[in-house]
Structure formats: structure tokens, C-alpha cells
Amino acid sequence: MTPCPCGSGTDYAICCGRYHAGLPAPTAEALMRSRYAAYALGNLDYIAATCAGPAAAAFEPKDAERSQLGTRWLGLDILKTRKGRQGDSEGTVSFIARYQHNGEEAALSETSQFRCIDGRWFYWDRLREASAPRPPNIGRNDPCPCGSGKKFKKCCG
């Protein structure tokens, strides 16, 4: 048995592996878990294929490849889901993704928005903190301090 990187405790082939092979994820949480597993396995084609709307417009494969260098994904904790079940048209998943980048441990905390389009779930966008101040000395083109691997202006900026 190869444990799934999403932390479900089940075999990869019967967990996120089936979604990576083309089966649509049945819920927003299943898509979130499969996207985390795809990052952990370096499957950026899956990440691109499961983006829509603002997320698809913002996804840059070369930036994603660069951010993967020196990154090892350590675990995923799902904190809360709202809607996102079969029959819903949208939903949110709040999570913490732990990782190590160039030897330093960090975590990405986010609430992601998902939409179901023609029976398939897609990552749509992340909810922004309305009152999050801009960190001092962070330029628009600097890497985002949240650890997403994106430029600050395309992420939290």
C-alpha cells in the first residue's frame, strides 16, 4: 500500500490517485485533498486542469515549477468545509498545508473557494482577509510571505 499524501490514511490508488487519473472529485474537499496530493507529487498538470476562473487566470506553470524546487510537503489538515457536497454549486474548504522549503518548515493557511461546473469541481479562488495589512518591506514582485510560491501582487497583495 502506498499511503495517499493527502493524509486520508488510505491507499493513493483508491484515494487521490483515481482523481489524478481523470475521475472527477465528488466534493470540494475531495478536490482540495487531491490538489494537495498533486502538489506533493509534483503533478502540476493536475493543478492547472483543476483551476477555473480567477485561479486559472493567476496560475503560472513556470512559477509553480520554481516554487516546487526545494519543497517537501509534510501534511494537510482540513479545518472546516462549507457546502461543496454533491449537488452544491459552490463550497469552501479551510485548511493548513505544512511544508518544508529549503530546510525551513512553514505552513500555508487558506480558505479556498470551489465551484462545480458541468458536474466537475474546480478551485476558483482563495478568500482574502479583508483587513490584512501589507507586510513591511514586501515589494509587489517579491515572493508572497504566505508561502504560496506566487508573487506578492498575485497572491496576498
C-alpha atoms as a PDB file:
ATOM      1  CA  MET A   1       0.000   0.000   0.000  1.00  0.00           C
ATOM      2  CA  THR A   2       1.239   3.480  -0.902  1.00  0.00           C
ATOM      3  CA  PRO A   3      -0.331   5.950   1.555  1.00  0.00           C
ATOM      4  CA  CYS A   4      -2.013   8.933  -0.076  1.00  0.00           C
ATOM      5  CA  PRO A   5      -0.158  12.229   0.524  1.00  0.00           C
ATOM      6  CA  CYS A   6      -3.470  13.924   1.426  1.00  0.00           C
ATOM      7  CA  GLY A   7      -3.390  12.275   4.843  1.00  0.00           C
ATOM      8  CA  SER A   8      -6.589  10.256   4.477  1.00  0.00           C
ATOM      9  CA  GLY A   9      -4.843   7.093   5.646  1.00  0.00           C
ATOM     10  CA  THR A  10      -5.929   5.187   2.563  1.00  0.00           C
ATOM     11  CA  ASP A  11      -4.029   3.873  -0.431  1.00  0.00           C
ATOM     12  CA  TYR A  12      -3.134   6.524  -3.029  1.00  0.00           C
ATOM     13  CA  ALA A  13      -4.653   4.494  -5.885  1.00  0.00           C
ATOM     14  CA  ILE A  14      -8.120   4.409  -4.289  1.00  0.00           C
ATOM     15  CA  CYS A  15      -7.883   7.909  -2.827  1.00  0.00           C
ATOM     16  CA  CYS A  16      -6.479  10.850  -4.806  1.00  0.00           C
ATOM     17  CA  GLY A  17      -4.843   8.657  -7.450  1.00  0.00           C
ATOM     18  CA  ARG A  18      -8.182   7.998  -9.117  1.00  0.00           C
ATOM     19  CA  TYR A  19      -8.816  11.745  -9.458  1.00  0.00           C
ATOM     20  CA  HIS A  20      -5.326  12.286 -10.837  1.00  0.00           C
ATOM     21  CA  ALA A  21      -6.165   9.570 -13.392  1.00  0.00           C
ATOM     22  CA  GLY A  22      -9.234  11.504 -14.590  1.00  0.00           C
ATOM     23  CA  LEU A  23     -12.191  10.621 -12.358  1.00  0.00           C
ATOM     24  CA  PRO A  24     -13.894  13.853 -11.203  1.00  0.00           C
ATOM     25  CA  ALA A  25     -13.647  14.594  -7.482  1.00  0.00           C
ATOM     26  CA  PRO A  26     -17.151  14.252  -5.972  1.00  0.00           C
ATOM     27  CA  THR A  27     -16.823  17.112  -3.447  1.00  0.00           C
ATOM     28  CA  ALA A  28     -14.887  20.315  -2.903  1.00  0.00           C
ATOM     29  CA  GLU A  29     -12.959  18.666  -0.046  1.00  0.00           C
ATOM     30  CA  ALA A  30     -12.008  15.697  -2.237  1.00  0.00           C
ATOM     31  CA  LEU A  31     -10.720  18.132  -4.854  1.00  0.00           C
ATOM     32  CA  MET A  32      -8.784  20.062  -2.189  1.00  0.00           C
ATOM     33  CA  ARG A  33      -7.165  16.855  -0.946  1.00  0.00           C
ATOM     34  CA  SER A  34      -6.335  15.737  -4.486  1.00  0.00           C
ATOM     35  CA  ARG A  35      -4.777  19.109  -5.294  1.00  0.00           C
ATOM     36  CA  TYR A  36      -2.613  18.898  -2.160  1.00  0.00           C
ATOM     37  CA  ALA A  37      -1.560  15.372  -3.172  1.00  0.00           C
ATOM     38  CA  ALA A  38      -0.782  16.653  -6.681  1.00  0.00           C
ATOM     39  CA  TYR A  39       1.486  19.349  -5.241  1.00  0.00           C
ATOM     40  CA  ALA A  40       3.153  16.732  -3.014  1.00  0.00           C
ATOM     41  CA  LEU A  41       3.774  14.518  -6.050  1.00  0.00           C
ATOM     42  CA  GLY A  42       4.760  17.354  -8.418  1.00  0.00           C
ATOM     43  CA  ASN A  43       1.737  16.793 -10.684  1.00  0.00           C
ATOM     44  CA  LEU A  44       1.347  20.407 -11.828  1.00  0.00           C
ATOM     45  CA  ASP A  45      -0.698  19.395 -14.885  1.00  0.00           C
ATOM     46  CA  TYR A  46      -3.450  18.291 -12.485  1.00  0.00           C
ATOM     47  CA  ILE A  47      -3.190  21.577 -10.608  1.00  0.00           C
ATOM     48  CA  ALA A  48      -3.641  23.508 -13.864  1.00  0.00           C
ATOM     49  CA  ALA A  49      -6.511  21.288 -15.020  1.00  0.00           C
ATOM     50  CA  THR A  50      -8.460  21.783 -11.780  1.00  0.00           C
ATOM     51  CA  CYS A  51      -8.307  25.608 -11.789  1.00  0.00           C
ATOM     52  CA  ALA A  52     -11.070  27.814 -13.176  1.00  0.00           C
ATOM     53  CA  GLY A  53     -11.984  31.496 -13.056  1.00  0.00           C
ATOM     54  CA  PRO A  54      -9.519  33.740 -11.196  1.00  0.00           C
ATOM     55  CA  ALA A  55      -7.357  30.768 -10.149  1.00  0.00           C
ATOM     56  CA  ALA A  56      -6.888  29.691 -13.763  1.00  0.00           C
ATOM     57  CA  ALA A  57      -6.008  33.237 -14.795  1.00  0.00           C
ATOM     58  CA  ALA A  58      -3.440  33.522 -11.993  1.00  0.00           C
ATOM     59  CA  PHE A  59      -1.819  30.092 -12.382  1.00  0.00           C
ATOM     60  CA  GLU A  60       1.601  30.335 -13.981  1.00  0.00           C
ATOM     61  CA  PRO A  61       3.187  26.899 -14.592  1.00  0.00           C
ATOM     62  CA  LYS A  62       6.767  28.194 -14.579  1.00  0.00           C
ATOM     63  CA  ASP A  63       6.234  29.961 -11.234  1.00  0.00           C
ATOM     64  CA  ALA A  64       4.646  26.793  -9.822  1.00  0.00           C
ATOM     65  CA  GLU A  65       7.598  24.694 -11.024  1.00  0.00           C
ATOM     66  CA  ARG A  66      10.043  27.119  -9.418  1.00  0.00           C
ATOM     67  CA  SER A  67       8.162  27.106  -6.122  1.00  0.00           C
ATOM     68  CA  GLN A  68       8.275  23.285  -6.058  1.00  0.00           C
ATOM     69  CA  LEU A  69      12.087  23.253  -6.138  1.00  0.00           C
ATOM     70  CA  GLY A  70      13.366  22.537  -2.651  1.00  0.00           C
ATOM     71  CA  THR A  71       9.822  21.975  -1.317  1.00  0.00           C
ATOM     72  CA  ARG A  72       8.681  18.858   0.511  1.00  0.00           C
ATOM     73  CA  TRP A  73       5.025  18.697   1.546  1.00  0.00           C
ATOM     74  CA  LEU A  74       4.583  17.442   5.112  1.00  0.00           C
ATOM     75  CA  GLY A  75       0.851  17.243   5.749  1.00  0.00           C
ATOM     76  CA  LEU A  76      -2.626  18.597   5.217  1.00  0.00           C
ATOM     77  CA  ASP A  77      -5.151  19.499   7.903  1.00  0.00           C
ATOM     78  CA  ILE A  78      -8.719  20.236   6.810  1.00  0.00           C
ATOM     79  CA  LEU A  79     -10.165  22.684   9.342  1.00  0.00           C
ATOM     80  CA  LYS A  80     -13.646  23.363   8.006  1.00  0.00           C
ATOM     81  CA  THR A  81     -15.808  22.858   4.938  1.00  0.00           C
ATOM     82  CA  ARG A  82     -18.902  24.814   3.974  1.00  0.00           C
ATOM     83  CA  LYS A  83     -21.161  23.391   1.294  1.00  0.00           C
ATOM     84  CA  GLY A  84     -19.142  21.773  -1.516  1.00  0.00           C
ATOM     85  CA  ARG A  85     -21.034  18.492  -1.459  1.00  0.00           C
ATOM     86  CA  GLN A  86     -22.584  16.598  -4.330  1.00  0.00           C
ATOM     87  CA  GLY A  87     -25.467  18.701  -5.627  1.00  0.00           C
ATOM     88  CA  ASP A  88     -23.932  22.003  -4.465  1.00  0.00           C
ATOM     89  CA  SER A  89     -22.674  24.538  -6.994  1.00  0.00           C
ATOM     90  CA  GLU A  90     -20.017  26.049  -4.722  1.00  0.00           C
ATOM     91  CA  GLY A  91     -18.224  25.487  -1.456  1.00  0.00           C
ATOM     92  CA  THR A  92     -15.266  26.486   0.678  1.00  0.00           C
ATOM     93  CA  VAL A  93     -12.543  24.476   2.378  1.00  0.00           C
ATOM     94  CA  SER A  94     -10.352  25.930   5.130  1.00  0.00           C
ATOM     95  CA  PHE A  95      -7.056  24.125   5.570  1.00  0.00           C
ATOM     96  CA  ILE A  96      -3.458  24.249   6.705  1.00  0.00           C
ATOM     97  CA  ALA A  97      -0.840  22.732   4.409  1.00  0.00           C
ATOM     98  CA  ARG A  98       2.501  22.122   6.092  1.00  0.00           C
ATOM     99  CA  TYR A  99       5.691  22.006   4.069  1.00  0.00           C
ATOM    100  CA  GLN A 100       9.433  22.325   4.219  1.00  0.00           C
ATOM    101  CA  HIS A 101      11.190  24.657   1.799  1.00  0.00           C
ATOM    102  CA  ASN A 102      14.967  24.602   1.592  1.00  0.00           C
ATOM    103  CA  GLY A 103      15.134  23.061   5.058  1.00  0.00           C
ATOM    104  CA  GLU A 104      12.762  25.510   6.774  1.00  0.00           C
ATOM    105  CA  GLU A 105       9.320  24.373   7.892  1.00  0.00           C
ATOM    106  CA  ALA A 106       6.333  26.587   7.161  1.00  0.00           C
ATOM    107  CA  ALA A 107       2.582  26.373   6.717  1.00  0.00           C
ATOM    108  CA  LEU A 108       0.046  27.767   4.307  1.00  0.00           C
ATOM    109  CA  SER A 109      -3.314  28.579   5.886  1.00  0.00           C
ATOM    110  CA  GLU A 110      -6.143  29.355   3.498  1.00  0.00           C
ATOM    111  CA  THR A 111      -9.844  29.204   2.861  1.00  0.00           C
ATOM    112  CA  SER A 112     -10.322  28.165  -0.742  1.00  0.00           C
ATOM    113  CA  GLN A 113     -13.391  28.705  -2.883  1.00  0.00           C
ATOM    114  CA  PHE A 114     -14.536  25.915  -5.186  1.00  0.00           C
ATOM    115  CA  ARG A 115     -17.188  25.835  -7.901  1.00  0.00           C
ATOM    116  CA  CYS A 116     -18.884  22.920  -9.563  1.00  0.00           C
ATOM    117  CA  ILE A 117     -19.094  23.492 -13.323  1.00  0.00           C
ATOM    118  CA  ASP A 118     -20.803  20.918 -15.551  1.00  0.00           C
ATOM    119  CA  GLY A 119     -20.546  18.305 -12.820  1.00  0.00           C
ATOM    120  CA  ARG A 120     -16.827  18.846 -12.059  1.00  0.00           C
ATOM    121  CA  TRP A 121     -15.349  20.673  -9.078  1.00  0.00           C
ATOM    122  CA  PHE A 122     -12.726  23.363  -9.698  1.00  0.00           C
ATOM    123  CA  TYR A 123     -10.570  25.508  -7.464  1.00  0.00           C
ATOM    124  CA  TRP A 124     -11.890  29.032  -8.088  1.00  0.00           C
ATOM    125  CA  ASP A 125     -10.046  31.422  -5.761  1.00  0.00           C
ATOM    126  CA  ARG A 126      -8.931  31.955  -2.203  1.00  0.00           C
ATOM    127  CA  LEU A 127     -10.852  34.088   0.253  1.00  0.00           C
ATOM    128  CA  ARG A 128      -8.899  37.214   1.065  1.00  0.00           C
ATOM    129  CA  GLU A 129      -8.534  38.630   4.545  1.00  0.00           C
ATOM    130  CA  ALA A 130     -10.307  41.995   4.387  1.00  0.00           C
ATOM    131  CA  SER A 131      -8.110  43.679   6.970  1.00  0.00           C
ATOM    132  CA  ALA A 132      -4.781  42.001   6.291  1.00  0.00           C
ATOM    133  CA  PRO A 133      -2.137  44.750   6.276  1.00  0.00           C
ATOM    134  CA  ARG A 134       0.669  44.671   3.744  1.00  0.00           C
ATOM    135  CA  PRO A 135       3.785  43.301   5.436  1.00  0.00           C
ATOM    136  CA  PRO A 136       6.581  45.899   5.725  1.00  0.00           C
ATOM    137  CA  ASN A 137       9.366  45.805   3.140  1.00  0.00           C
ATOM    138  CA  ILE A 138       7.489  43.456   0.786  1.00  0.00           C
ATOM    139  CA  GLY A 139       7.516  44.604  -2.821  1.00  0.00           C
ATOM    140  CA  ARG A 140       4.800  43.694  -5.303  1.00  0.00           C
ATOM    141  CA  ASN A 141       7.170  41.385  -7.197  1.00  0.00           C
ATOM    142  CA  ASP A 142       8.683  39.716  -4.115  1.00  0.00           C
ATOM    143  CA  PRO A 143       7.634  36.172  -3.193  1.00  0.00           C
ATOM    144  CA  CYS A 144       4.495  36.179  -1.080  1.00  0.00           C
ATOM    145  CA  PRO A 145       5.270  35.663   2.627  1.00  0.00           C
ATOM    146  CA  CYS A 146       2.335  33.228   2.938  1.00  0.00           C
ATOM    147  CA  GLY A 147       4.484  30.581   1.240  1.00  0.00           C
ATOM    148  CA  SER A 148       2.312  30.058  -1.836  1.00  0.00           C
ATOM    149  CA  GLY A 149       5.265  30.460  -4.199  1.00  0.00           C
ATOM    150  CA  LYS A 150       3.479  33.239  -6.093  1.00  0.00           C
ATOM    151  CA  LYS A 151       4.485  36.854  -6.381  1.00  0.00           C
ATOM    152  CA  PHE A 152       3.002  39.007  -3.605  1.00  0.00           C
ATOM    153  CA  LYS A 153       0.930  41.031  -6.124  1.00  0.00           C
ATOM    154  CA  LYS A 154      -0.751  37.845  -7.452  1.00  0.00           C
ATOM    155  CA  CYS A 155      -1.401  36.364  -4.042  1.00  0.00           C
ATOM    156  CA  CYS A 156      -1.994  38.274  -0.808  1.00  0.00           C
ATOM    157  CA  GLY A 157      -1.115  41.720  -2.246  1.00  0.00           C
END
